[in-house]
C-alpha atoms as a PDB file:
ATOM      1  CA  UNK A   1     -30.892  31.603 -20.777  1.00  0.00           C
ATOM      2  CA  UNK A   2     -29.484  28.121 -20.281  1.00  0.00           C
ATOM      3  CA  UNK A   3     -27.166  27.409 -17.371  1.00  0.00           C
ATOM      4  CA  UNK A   4     -24.260  26.718 -19.746  1.00  0.00           C
ATOM      5  CA  UNK A   5     -24.812  30.143 -21.320  1.00  0.00           C
ATOM      6  CA  UNK A   6     -24.811  31.675 -17.836  1.00  0.00           C
ATOM      7  CA  UNK A   7     -21.361  30.184 -17.334  1.00  0.00           C
ATOM      8  CA  UNK A   8     -20.130  31.917 -20.485  1.00  0.00           C
ATOM      9  CA  UNK A   9     -20.709  35.377 -18.998  1.00  0.00           C
ATOM     10  CA  UNK A  10     -19.448  34.629 -15.497  1.00  0.00           C
ATOM     11  CA  UNK A  11     -15.896  35.586 -14.577  1.00  0.00           C
ATOM     12  CA  UNK A  12     -13.190  32.929 -14.514  1.00  0.00           C
ATOM     13  CA  UNK A  13     -12.704  33.707 -10.818  1.00  0.00           C
ATOM     14  CA  UNK A  14     -16.369  32.967 -10.069  1.00  0.00           C
ATOM     15  CA  UNK A  15     -16.420  29.789 -12.103  1.00  0.00           C
ATOM     16  CA  UNK A  16     -13.211  28.428 -10.604  1.00  0.00           C
ATOM     17  CA  UNK A  17     -14.497  29.229  -7.106  1.00  0.00           C
ATOM     18  CA  UNK A  18     -17.625  27.192  -7.892  1.00  0.00           C
ATOM     19  CA  UNK A  19     -15.608  24.290  -9.327  1.00  0.00           C
ATOM     20  CA  UNK A  20     -11.813  24.340  -9.085  1.00  0.00           C
ATOM     21  CA  UNK A  21     -11.562  21.498 -11.650  1.00  0.00           C
ATOM     22  CA  UNK A  22     -12.256  24.161 -14.292  1.00  0.00           C
ATOM     23  CA  UNK A  23      -8.757  25.531 -13.652  1.00  0.00           C
ATOM     24  CA  UNK A  24      -7.225  22.265 -14.881  1.00  0.00           C
ATOM     25  CA  UNK A  25      -9.626  22.094 -17.829  1.00  0.00           C
ATOM     26  CA  UNK A  26      -8.591  25.618 -18.872  1.00  0.00           C
ATOM     27  CA  UNK A  27      -4.940  24.580 -18.604  1.00  0.00           C
ATOM     28  CA  UNK A  28      -5.783  21.674 -20.933  1.00  0.00           C
ATOM     29  CA  UNK A  29      -6.901  24.307 -23.476  1.00  0.00           C
ATOM     30  CA  UNK A  30      -3.715  26.336 -22.937  1.00  0.00           C
ATOM     31  CA  UNK A  31      -5.280  28.955 -20.653  1.00  0.00           C
ATOM     32  CA  UNK A  32      -3.802  29.935 -17.271  1.00  0.00           C
ATOM     33  CA  UNK A  33      -6.873  30.825 -15.202  1.00  0.00           C
ATOM     34  CA  UNK A  34      -4.891  32.970 -12.747  1.00  0.00           C
ATOM     35  CA  UNK A  35      -4.105  35.471 -15.498  1.00  0.00           C
ATOM     36  CA  UNK A  36      -7.793  35.994 -16.295  1.00  0.00           C
ATOM     37  CA  UNK A  37      -9.757  35.833 -13.044  1.00  0.00           C
ATOM     38  CA  UNK A  38     -11.615  39.110 -13.745  1.00  0.00           C
ATOM     39  CA  UNK A  39     -12.548  38.221 -17.327  1.00  0.00           C
ATOM     40  CA  UNK A  40     -15.580  36.225 -18.403  1.00  0.00           C
ATOM     41  CA  UNK A  41     -15.218  32.743 -19.838  1.00  0.00           C
ATOM     42  CA  UNK A  42     -16.574  34.076 -23.135  1.00  0.00           C
ATOM     43  CA  UNK A  43     -13.928  36.823 -23.283  1.00  0.00           C
ATOM     44  CA  UNK A  44     -11.052  34.499 -22.448  1.00  0.00           C
ATOM     45  CA  UNK A  45     -12.169  31.837 -24.909  1.00  0.00           C
ATOM     46  CA  UNK A  46     -12.441  34.456 -27.647  1.00  0.00           C
ATOM     47  CA  UNK A  47      -8.874  35.564 -26.918  1.00  0.00           C
ATOM     48  CA  UNK A  48      -7.564  31.995 -27.188  1.00  0.00           C
ATOM     49  CA  UNK A  49      -9.856  31.020 -30.071  1.00  0.00           C
ATOM     50  CA  UNK A  50     -11.614  28.350 -27.999  1.00  0.00           C
ATOM     51  CA  UNK A  51     -15.332  27.587 -28.010  1.00  0.00           C
ATOM     52  CA  UNK A  52     -16.652  28.190 -24.446  1.00  0.00           C
ATOM     53  CA  UNK A  53     -19.259  25.454 -24.929  1.00  0.00           C
ATOM     54  CA  UNK A  54     -16.418  23.043 -25.634  1.00  0.00           C
ATOM     55  CA  UNK A  55     -14.739  24.057 -22.353  1.00  0.00           C
ATOM     56  CA  UNK A  56     -17.962  23.448 -20.405  1.00  0.00           C
ATOM     57  CA  UNK A  57     -18.517  20.125 -22.179  1.00  0.00           C
ATOM     58  CA  UNK A  58     -14.970  19.045 -21.300  1.00  0.00           C
ATOM     59  CA  UNK A  59     -15.555  20.060 -17.675  1.00  0.00           C
ATOM     60  CA  UNK A  60     -18.723  17.954 -17.543  1.00  0.00           C
ATOM     61  CA  UNK A  61     -16.899  15.017 -19.147  1.00  0.00           C
ATOM     62  CA  UNK A  62     -14.121  15.234 -16.546  1.00  0.00           C
ATOM     63  CA  UNK A  63     -16.715  15.393 -13.766  1.00  0.00           C
ATOM     64  CA  UNK A  64     -18.252  12.170 -15.058  1.00  0.00           C
ATOM     65  CA  UNK A  65     -15.029  10.172 -14.941  1.00  0.00           C
ATOM     66  CA  UNK A  66     -15.072   7.373 -12.370  1.00  0.00           C
ATOM     67  CA  UNK A  67     -11.940   5.603 -11.191  1.00  0.00           C
ATOM     68  CA  UNK A  68     -12.193   1.840 -10.611  1.00  0.00           C
ATOM     69  CA  UNK A  69     -12.285   0.801  -6.966  1.00  0.00           C
ATOM     70  CA  UNK A  70      -9.555  -1.287  -5.380  1.00  0.00           C
ATOM     71  CA  UNK A  71     -11.979  -4.241  -5.206  1.00  0.00           C
ATOM     72  CA  UNK A  72     -12.704  -3.931  -8.943  1.00  0.00           C
ATOM     73  CA  UNK A  73      -9.004  -3.770  -9.775  1.00  0.00           C
ATOM     74  CA  UNK A  74      -8.337  -6.820  -7.589  1.00  0.00           C
ATOM     75  CA  UNK A  75     -10.571  -8.919  -9.845  1.00  0.00           C
ATOM     76  CA  UNK A  76      -8.464  -8.153 -12.929  1.00  0.00           C
ATOM     77  CA  UNK A  77      -5.298 -10.034 -13.934  1.00  0.00           C
ATOM     78  CA  UNK A  78      -1.973  -8.360 -13.264  1.00  0.00           C
ATOM     79  CA  UNK A  79      -1.564  -7.268 -16.894  1.00  0.00           C
ATOM     80  CA  UNK A  80      -4.729  -5.143 -16.728  1.00  0.00           C
ATOM     81  CA  UNK A  81      -3.556  -3.682 -13.421  1.00  0.00           C
ATOM     82  CA  UNK A  82      -0.197  -2.701 -14.924  1.00  0.00           C
ATOM     83  CA  UNK A  83      -2.022  -1.095 -17.857  1.00  0.00           C
ATOM     84  CA  UNK A  84      -4.167   0.961 -15.474  1.00  0.00           C
ATOM     85  CA  UNK A  85      -1.128   2.113 -13.485  1.00  0.00           C
ATOM     86  CA  UNK A  86       0.738   3.088 -16.666  1.00  0.00           C
ATOM     87  CA  UNK A  87      -2.276   5.186 -17.682  1.00  0.00           C
ATOM     88  CA  UNK A  88      -2.184   6.935 -14.290  1.00  0.00           C
ATOM     89  CA  UNK A  89       1.539   7.553 -14.717  1.00  0.00           C
ATOM     90  CA  UNK A  90       0.840   9.272 -18.042  1.00  0.00           C
ATOM     91  CA  UNK A  91      -1.856  11.362 -16.342  1.00  0.00           C
ATOM     92  CA  UNK A  92       0.596  12.525 -13.687  1.00  0.00           C
ATOM     93  CA  UNK A  93       3.414  13.301 -16.143  1.00  0.00           C
ATOM     94  CA  UNK A  94       1.415  14.873 -18.971  1.00  0.00           C
ATOM     95  CA  UNK A  95      -1.412  16.584 -17.106  1.00  0.00           C
ATOM     96  CA  UNK A  96      -1.382  16.883 -13.318  1.00  0.00           C
ATOM     97  CA  UNK A  97       2.272  17.848 -12.804  1.00  0.00           C
ATOM     98  CA  UNK A  98       2.490  20.379 -15.690  1.00  0.00           C
ATOM     99  CA  UNK A  99      -0.744  22.004 -14.474  1.00  0.00           C
ATOM    100  CA  UNK A 100       0.543  22.352 -10.915  1.00  0.00           C
ATOM    101  CA  UNK A 101       3.944  23.519 -12.138  1.00  0.00           C
ATOM    102  CA  UNK A 102       2.281  26.291 -14.147  1.00  0.00           C
ATOM    103  CA  UNK A 103       0.435  27.464 -11.024  1.00  0.00           C
ATOM    104  CA  UNK A 104       3.467  27.325  -8.736  1.00  0.00           C
ATOM    105  CA  UNK A 105       5.501  29.310 -11.262  1.00  0.00           C
ATOM    106  CA  UNK A 106       2.771  31.767 -12.277  1.00  0.00           C
ATOM    107  CA  UNK A 107       0.632  32.602  -9.255  1.00  0.00           C
ATOM    108  CA  UNK A 108       1.488  35.773  -7.374  1.00  0.00           C
ATOM    109  CA  UNK A 109       0.974  35.929  -3.610  1.00  0.00           C
ATOM    110  CA  UNK A 110       0.808  38.961  -1.363  1.00  0.00           C
ATOM    111  CA  UNK A 111       3.880  40.175   0.542  1.00  0.00           C
ATOM    112  CA  UNK A 112       3.053  38.156   3.650  1.00  0.00           C
ATOM    113  CA  UNK A 113       3.326  34.933   1.611  1.00  0.00           C
ATOM    114  CA  UNK A 114       6.357  35.805  -0.522  1.00  0.00           C
ATOM    115  CA  UNK A 115       8.662  33.472   1.386  1.00  0.00           C
ATOM    116  CA  UNK A 116       6.153  30.615   1.052  1.00  0.00           C
ATOM    117  CA  UNK A 117       5.849  30.888  -2.727  1.00  0.00           C
ATOM    118  CA  UNK A 118       9.631  31.297  -3.021  1.00  0.00           C
ATOM    119  CA  UNK A 119      10.173  28.083  -1.037  1.00  0.00           C
ATOM    120  CA  UNK A 120       7.451  26.312  -3.015  1.00  0.00           C
ATOM    121  CA  UNK A 121       9.093  27.323  -6.293  1.00  0.00           C
ATOM    122  CA  UNK A 122      12.305  25.729  -5.055  1.00  0.00           C
ATOM    123  CA  UNK A 123      10.726  22.610  -3.562  1.00  0.00           C
ATOM    124  CA  UNK A 124       8.063  21.675  -6.111  1.00  0.00           C
ATOM    125  CA  UNK A 125      10.415  21.166  -9.110  1.00  0.00           C
ATOM    126  CA  UNK A 126      12.572  18.882  -6.937  1.00  0.00           C
ATOM    127  CA  UNK A 127       9.486  16.874  -6.008  1.00  0.00           C
ATOM    128  CA  UNK A 128       8.461  16.662  -9.686  1.00  0.00           C
ATOM    129  CA  UNK A 129      11.924  15.474 -10.781  1.00  0.00           C
ATOM    130  CA  UNK A 130      12.056  12.894  -7.997  1.00  0.00           C
ATOM    131  CA  UNK A 131       8.547  11.624  -8.700  1.00  0.00           C
ATOM    132  CA  UNK A 132       9.087  11.321 -12.468  1.00  0.00           C
ATOM    133  CA  UNK A 133      12.347   9.468 -11.778  1.00  0.00           C
ATOM    134  CA  UNK A 134      10.403   7.148  -9.467  1.00  0.00           C
ATOM    135  CA  UNK A 135       7.824   6.487 -12.205  1.00  0.00           C
ATOM    136  CA  UNK A 136      10.449   5.688 -14.851  1.00  0.00           C
ATOM    137  CA  UNK A 137      12.387   3.509 -12.433  1.00  0.00           C
ATOM    138  CA  UNK A 138       9.234   1.590 -11.531  1.00  0.00           C
ATOM    139  CA  UNK A 139       8.263   1.043 -15.164  1.00  0.00           C
ATOM    140  CA  UNK A 140      11.810   0.063 -16.171  1.00  0.00           C
ATOM    141  CA  UNK A 141      12.247  -2.364 -13.277  1.00  0.00           C
ATOM    142  CA  UNK A 142       8.984  -3.733 -11.863  1.00  0.00           C
ATOM    143  CA  UNK A 143       6.770  -3.431 -14.942  1.00  0.00           C
ATOM    144  CA  UNK A 144       9.501  -4.815 -17.197  1.00  0.00           C
ATOM    145  CA  UNK A 145      10.069  -7.673 -14.760  1.00  0.00           C
ATOM    146  CA  UNK A 146       6.375  -8.539 -14.796  1.00  0.00           C
ATOM    147  CA  UNK A 147       6.358  -8.517 -18.607  1.00  0.00           C
ATOM    148  CA  UNK A 148       9.467 -10.738 -18.647  1.00  0.00           C
ATOM    149  CA  UNK A 149       7.905 -13.176 -16.179  1.00  0.00           C
ATOM    150  CA  UNK A 150       4.857 -13.430 -18.435  1.00  0.00           C
ATOM    151  CA  UNK A 151       7.134 -14.217 -21.406  1.00  0.00           C
ATOM    152  CA  UNK A 152       8.855 -16.962 -19.413  1.00  0.00           C
ATOM    153  CA  UNK A 153       5.485 -18.317 -18.276  1.00  0.00           C
ATOM    154  CA  UNK A 154       4.214 -18.396 -21.862  1.00  0.00           C
ATOM    155  CA  UNK A 155       7.306 -20.250 -23.047  1.00  0.00           C
ATOM    156  CA  UNK A 156       8.546 -17.336 -25.171  1.00  0.00           C
ATOM    157  CA  UNK A 157      11.953 -17.320 -23.454  1.00  0.00           C
ATOM    158  CA  UNK A 158      14.483 -20.187 -23.776  1.00  0.00           C
ATOM    159  CA  UNK A 159      15.256 -21.932 -20.502  1.00  0.00           C
ATOM    160  CA  UNK A 160      18.912 -20.840 -20.758  1.00  0.00           C
ATOM    161  CA  UNK A 161      17.756 -17.210 -20.718  1.00  0.00           C
ATOM    162  CA  UNK A 162      14.835 -17.621 -18.326  1.00  0.00           C
ATOM    163  CA  UNK A 163      16.982 -18.989 -15.507  1.00  0.00           C
ATOM    164  CA  UNK A 164      18.770 -15.622 -15.340  1.00  0.00           C
ATOM    165  CA  UNK A 165      15.732 -14.339 -13.421  1.00  0.00           C
ATOM    166  CA  UNK A 166      17.105 -16.242 -10.415  1.00  0.00           C
ATOM    167  CA  UNK A 167      20.025 -13.797 -10.260  1.00  0.00           C
ATOM    168  CA  UNK A 168      17.819 -10.670 -10.156  1.00  0.00           C
ATOM    169  CA  UNK A 169      16.661  -8.909  -6.971  1.00  0.00           C
ATOM    170  CA  UNK A 170      13.342 -10.395  -5.899  1.00  0.00           C
ATOM    171  CA  UNK A 171      10.064  -8.555  -6.362  1.00  0.00           C
ATOM    172  CA  UNK A 172       9.574  -8.883  -2.601  1.00  0.00           C
ATOM    173  CA  UNK A 173      12.727  -6.786  -2.160  1.00  0.00           C
ATOM    174  CA  UNK A 174      11.365  -4.227  -4.634  1.00  0.00           C
ATOM    175  CA  UNK A 175       8.142  -4.072  -2.614  1.00  0.00           C
ATOM    176  CA  UNK A 176      10.017  -3.302   0.599  1.00  0.00           C
ATOM    177  CA  UNK A 177      11.971  -0.497  -1.081  1.00  0.00           C
ATOM    178  CA  UNK A 178       8.821   0.914  -2.697  1.00  0.00           C
ATOM    179  CA  UNK A 179       6.970   1.005   0.609  1.00  0.00           C
ATOM    180  CA  UNK A 180       9.731   3.179   2.079  1.00  0.00           C
ATOM    181  CA  UNK A 181       9.176   5.924  -0.559  1.00  0.00           C
ATOM    182  CA  UNK A 182       5.405   6.407  -0.403  1.00  0.00           C
ATOM    183  CA  UNK A 183       5.180   9.854   1.246  1.00  0.00           C
ATOM    184  CA  UNK A 184       6.592  11.943  -1.622  1.00  0.00           C
ATOM    185  CA  UNK A 185       4.756  15.156  -0.685  1.00  0.00           C
ATOM    186  CA  UNK A 186       5.691  15.305   2.981  1.00  0.00           C
ATOM    187  CA  UNK A 187       7.845  18.436   2.515  1.00  0.00           C
ATOM    188  CA  UNK A 188       5.185  20.304   0.542  1.00  0.00           C
ATOM    189  CA  UNK A 189       2.514  19.349   3.065  1.00  0.00           C
ATOM    190  CA  UNK A 190       4.682  20.706   5.880  1.00  0.00           C
ATOM    191  CA  UNK A 191       5.483  23.917   3.968  1.00  0.00           C
ATOM    192  CA  UNK A 192       1.793  24.649   3.344  1.00  0.00           C
ATOM    193  CA  UNK A 193       0.792  23.745   6.908  1.00  0.00           C
ATOM    194  CA  UNK A 194      -1.270  20.754   5.752  1.00  0.00           C
ATOM    195  CA  UNK A 195      -2.814  22.860   2.963  1.00  0.00           C
ATOM    196  CA  UNK A 196      -4.634  25.126   5.398  1.00  0.00           C
ATOM    197  CA  UNK A 197      -6.193  28.006   3.477  1.00  0.00           C
ATOM    198  CA  UNK A 198      -6.667  31.346   5.228  1.00  0.00           C
ATOM    199  CA  UNK A 199      -9.955  33.223   4.845  1.00  0.00           C
ATOM    200  CA  UNK A 200      -8.118  36.041   3.076  1.00  0.00           C
ATOM    201  CA  UNK A 201      -6.458  33.786   0.489  1.00  0.00           C
ATOM    202  CA  UNK A 202      -7.022  34.669  -3.170  1.00  0.00           C
ATOM    203  CA  UNK A 203      -8.897  32.403  -5.575  1.00  0.00           C
ATOM    204  CA  UNK A 204      -5.577  31.417  -7.179  1.00  0.00           C
ATOM    205  CA  UNK A 205      -4.011  30.357  -3.880  1.00  0.00           C
ATOM    206  CA  UNK A 206      -7.146  28.436  -2.896  1.00  0.00           C
ATOM    207  CA  UNK A 207      -7.061  26.504  -6.159  1.00  0.00           C
ATOM    208  CA  UNK A 208      -3.326  25.853  -5.790  1.00  0.00           C
ATOM    209  CA  UNK A 209      -3.763  24.388  -2.307  1.00  0.00           C
ATOM    210  CA  UNK A 210      -6.811  22.338  -3.312  1.00  0.00           C
ATOM    211  CA  UNK A 211      -4.969  20.920  -6.332  1.00  0.00           C
ATOM    212  CA  UNK A 212      -1.868  20.091  -4.283  1.00  0.00           C
ATOM    213  CA  UNK A 213      -4.080  18.306  -1.778  1.00  0.00           C
ATOM    214  CA  UNK A 214      -5.883  16.497  -4.617  1.00  0.00           C
ATOM    215  CA  UNK A 215      -2.561  15.332  -6.069  1.00  0.00           C
ATOM    216  CA  UNK A 216      -1.413  14.020  -2.696  1.00  0.00           C
ATOM    217  CA  UNK A 217      -4.684  12.127  -2.295  1.00  0.00           C
ATOM    218  CA  UNK A 218      -4.270  10.594  -5.773  1.00  0.00           C
ATOM    219  CA  UNK A 219      -0.688   9.589  -5.011  1.00  0.00           C
ATOM    220  CA  UNK A 220      -1.727   7.930  -1.753  1.00  0.00           C
ATOM    221  CA  UNK A 221      -4.412   5.914  -3.555  1.00  0.00           C
ATOM    222  CA  UNK A 222      -1.951   5.081  -6.331  1.00  0.00           C
ATOM    223  CA  UNK A 223       0.671   3.856  -3.846  1.00  0.00           C
ATOM    224  CA  UNK A 224      -1.930   1.804  -1.969  1.00  0.00           C
ATOM    225  CA  UNK A 225      -3.012   0.073  -5.190  1.00  0.00           C
ATOM    226  CA  UNK A 226       0.620  -0.731  -5.941  1.00  0.00           C
ATOM    227  CA  UNK A 227       1.410  -1.942  -2.416  1.00  0.00           C
ATOM    228  CA  UNK A 228      -1.828  -3.835  -1.745  1.00  0.00           C
ATOM    229  CA  UNK A 229      -2.584  -5.226  -5.212  1.00  0.00           C
ATOM    230  CA  UNK A 230       0.268  -4.997  -7.712  1.00  0.00           C
ATOM    231  CA  UNK A 231       3.142  -6.198  -5.559  1.00  0.00           C
ATOM    232  CA  UNK A 232       1.289  -9.185  -4.025  1.00  0.00           C
ATOM    233  CA  UNK A 233       0.168 -10.273  -7.516  1.00  0.00           C
ATOM    234  CA  UNK A 234       3.707  -9.776  -8.858  1.00  0.00           C
ATOM    235  CA  UNK A 235       5.270 -11.717  -5.966  1.00  0.00           C
ATOM    236  CA  UNK A 236       2.851 -14.582  -6.603  1.00  0.00           C
ATOM    237  CA  UNK A 237       3.591 -14.494 -10.358  1.00  0.00           C
ATOM    238  CA  UNK A 238       7.332 -14.608  -9.702  1.00  0.00           C
ATOM    239  CA  UNK A 239       6.948 -17.456  -7.219  1.00  0.00           C
ATOM    240  CA  UNK A 240       4.949 -19.511  -9.730  1.00  0.00           C
ATOM    241  CA  UNK A 241       7.378 -18.818 -12.595  1.00  0.00           C
ATOM    242  CA  UNK A 242      10.371 -19.776 -10.434  1.00  0.00           C
ATOM    243  CA  UNK A 243       8.585 -22.978  -9.410  1.00  0.00           C
ATOM    244  CA  UNK A 244       8.015 -23.897 -13.073  1.00  0.00           C
ATOM    245  CA  UNK A 245      11.615 -23.074 -13.965  1.00  0.00           C
ATOM    246  CA  UNK A 246      12.946 -25.317 -11.185  1.00  0.00           C
ATOM    247  CA  UNK A 247      10.682 -28.112 -12.427  1.00  0.00           C
ATOM    248  CA  UNK A 248      11.966 -27.664 -16.000  1.00  0.00           C
ATOM    249  CA  UNK A 249      15.575 -27.688 -14.814  1.00  0.00           C
ATOM    250  CA  UNK A 250      14.908 -30.860 -12.796  1.00  0.00           C
ATOM    251  CA  UNK A 251      13.310 -32.618 -15.764  1.00  0.00           C
ATOM    252  CA  UNK A 252      16.095 -31.684 -18.224  1.00  0.00           C
END
């Protein structure tokens, strides 16, 4: 029997313990793993009319994904960098946050952890709302500014309109404000005691803590790319555009 076929008859609990990424893959197929820990992958897939081989193939595809390094991103122009960050924003909004929300709302903990899950169910939605607001604000301000600067640079904006950029808050100011909001998950980290998992914790709780920790790690990398790469490139773009505008004004 092939290894993939072995996976079909293993319980969801076993498979998720071996690789917690499977929990997110199952969510992608509309399956909440914590409701089916005792059932085999084959049984659960039959219930949801999903091919188990397709689930395993998706898991392997996810495992093969490689994020570009900061050095690789540095070599790209700012437009490519913005495109990458927008893609990550979509990942957070459409995939990572809904998956974690489903776990926070659906996982049951034992009596000793009732207060923790109650607090988490209050705190996590606030974090999600704040983070999504941060994403939209960033795209509507910084990303739009970068796009506008490119239009000015390419001569697509009349000088009479382009000079209005002088009246806007500088990108350097945006960078300073962004840097002050990097630690979004501080409260959740404190509530979960730095994601420390007790030996007696259930599979569901283990996956929840691992996924929360994974999200925080992704957000830290994301913020570092923005602070160390995007903002310096954007500041330099703005400086060059303003220099060209001043030269145009002088020559008119």
